[in-house]
Amino acid sequence: MITEELVRAALTNVVDPEIGLDIVNLGLIYRVDILEDGRLVDIDMTLTTPACPAAPQMIEQARRAVLSLADVYKGLEEVKINLVWTPFWNPSLMSEDAREELGFY
């Protein structure tokens, strides 16, 4: 069955085009729920800014990245991406590696 770890691993393939880092290490993924016996993955994600010009592209890439797991996990039917703004994103949400790469200490 699909797991949160597998979903997050798939999402590491989605890169913020302005920053050049993946959305998981940037701390943009707030919640991943596996529902309906693995048929639905429900995700809360945010963006670094509400004015992000790549928002539609990144949300669709995230949906497709997770949906690609259906090739192996046949029960997966739907991926729902919820764009949320609470808590508002800040650099402290990034992984340690991401903060180092971007010069945040």
Protein backbone atom coordinates (compact mmCIF):
# COMPACT_ATOMS: atom_id res chain seq x y z
CA MET A 1 0.00 0.00 0.00
CA ILE A 2 1.08 3.57 -0.63
CA THR A 3 2.62 5.40 2.33
CA GLU A 4 3.38 8.99 3.29
CA GLU A 5 7.09 8.27 2.81
CA LEU A 6 6.48 7.12 -0.78
CA VAL A 7 4.38 10.22 -1.48
CA ARG A 8 7.04 12.53 -0.08
CA ALA A 9 9.71 10.72 -2.10
CA ALA A 10 7.66 11.26 -5.28
CA LEU A 11 7.25 14.94 -4.40
CA THR A 12 11.01 15.43 -4.23
CA ASN A 13 10.87 15.32 -8.03
CA VAL A 14 8.92 18.60 -8.06
CA VAL A 15 11.33 21.55 -8.08
CA ASP A 16 10.48 25.18 -7.43
CA PRO A 17 11.74 26.70 -10.70
CA GLU A 18 12.69 30.01 -9.10
CA ILE A 19 14.64 28.54 -6.19
CA GLY A 20 15.93 25.32 -7.75
CA LEU A 21 15.10 23.05 -4.80
CA ASP A 22 12.39 20.43 -4.41
CA ILE A 23 9.16 21.26 -2.62
CA VAL A 24 9.72 18.71 0.16
CA ASN A 25 13.10 20.08 1.23
CA LEU A 26 11.77 23.61 0.90
CA GLY A 27 9.17 22.69 3.53
CA LEU A 28 6.21 23.35 1.27
CA ILE A 29 4.45 20.06 2.07
CA TYR A 30 2.55 20.43 5.33
CA ARG A 31 0.36 17.32 5.42
CA VAL A 32 -0.02 14.03 3.55
CA ASP A 33 -3.01 11.80 4.28
CA ILE A 34 -3.64 8.44 2.67
CA LEU A 35 -7.41 7.90 2.63
CA GLU A 36 -9.98 5.41 1.38
CA ASP A 37 -7.63 2.42 1.67
CA GLY A 38 -5.00 4.11 -0.49
CA ARG A 39 -7.34 5.27 -3.26
CA LEU A 40 -6.99 8.95 -2.33
CA VAL A 41 -3.94 10.97 -1.35
CA ASP A 42 -4.86 14.32 0.21
CA ILE A 43 -2.02 16.86 0.51
CA ASP A 44 -1.75 20.30 2.09
CA MET A 45 1.00 22.36 0.54
CA THR A 46 1.97 25.99 0.50
CA LEU A 47 4.23 28.21 -1.56
CA THR A 48 7.06 30.50 -0.57
CA THR A 49 4.86 33.48 -1.47
CA PRO A 50 1.22 33.95 -2.47
CA ALA A 51 2.46 35.79 -5.58
CA CYS A 52 4.44 32.78 -6.84
CA PRO A 53 4.14 32.86 -10.64
CA ALA A 54 4.86 29.12 -10.88
CA ALA A 55 2.03 28.12 -8.53
CA PRO A 56 -0.26 26.42 -11.07
CA GLN A 57 2.67 24.58 -12.63
CA MET A 58 4.04 23.35 -9.28
CA ILE A 59 0.64 22.22 -8.00
CA GLU A 60 -0.01 20.24 -11.18
CA GLN A 61 3.49 18.75 -11.12
CA ALA A 62 2.93 17.67 -7.50
CA ARG A 63 -0.40 16.06 -8.39
CA ARG A 64 1.15 14.20 -11.33
CA ALA A 65 4.22 13.12 -9.35
CA VAL A 66 2.06 11.43 -6.73
CA LEU A 67 -0.40 10.06 -9.27
CA SER A 68 2.54 8.40 -11.04
CA LEU A 69 2.74 6.07 -8.04
CA ALA A 70 -0.46 4.46 -9.38
CA ASP A 71 1.74 2.61 -11.88
CA VAL A 72 3.01 0.51 -8.96
CA TYR A 73 0.25 1.02 -6.37
CA LYS A 74 -2.77 0.13 -8.48
CA GLY A 75 -5.34 1.23 -5.88
CA LEU A 76 -4.38 4.92 -6.11
CA GLU A 77 -7.08 6.78 -8.04
CA GLU A 78 -7.00 10.41 -6.96
CA VAL A 79 -4.56 13.00 -5.65
CA LYS A 80 -5.96 16.15 -4.08
CA ILE A 81 -3.63 19.12 -3.56
CA ASN A 82 -4.90 21.78 -1.17
CA LEU A 83 -3.10 25.11 -1.33
CA VAL A 84 -2.91 26.49 2.22
CA TRP A 85 -1.39 29.61 3.77
CA THR A 86 -1.39 28.68 7.45
CA PRO A 87 1.18 28.60 8.75
CA PHE A 88 2.73 31.07 6.36
CA TRP A 89 5.93 29.61 4.89
CA ASN A 90 9.28 30.80 6.24
CA PRO A 91 12.87 29.54 5.83
CA SER A 92 12.78 27.67 9.15
CA LEU A 93 10.49 25.12 7.47
CA MET A 94 13.24 24.06 5.05
CA SER A 95 15.38 21.00 5.64
CA GLU A 96 18.83 21.65 7.04
CA ASP A 97 20.39 20.75 3.68
CA ALA A 98 18.13 23.23 1.87
CA ARG A 99 18.95 26.01 4.34
CA GLU A 100 22.68 25.38 3.89
CA GLU A 101 22.38 25.31 0.10
CA LEU A 102 20.56 28.64 0.10
CA GLY A 103 22.79 30.21 2.73
CA PHE A 104 20.30 30.29 5.63
CA TYR A 105 22.06 29.42 8.89
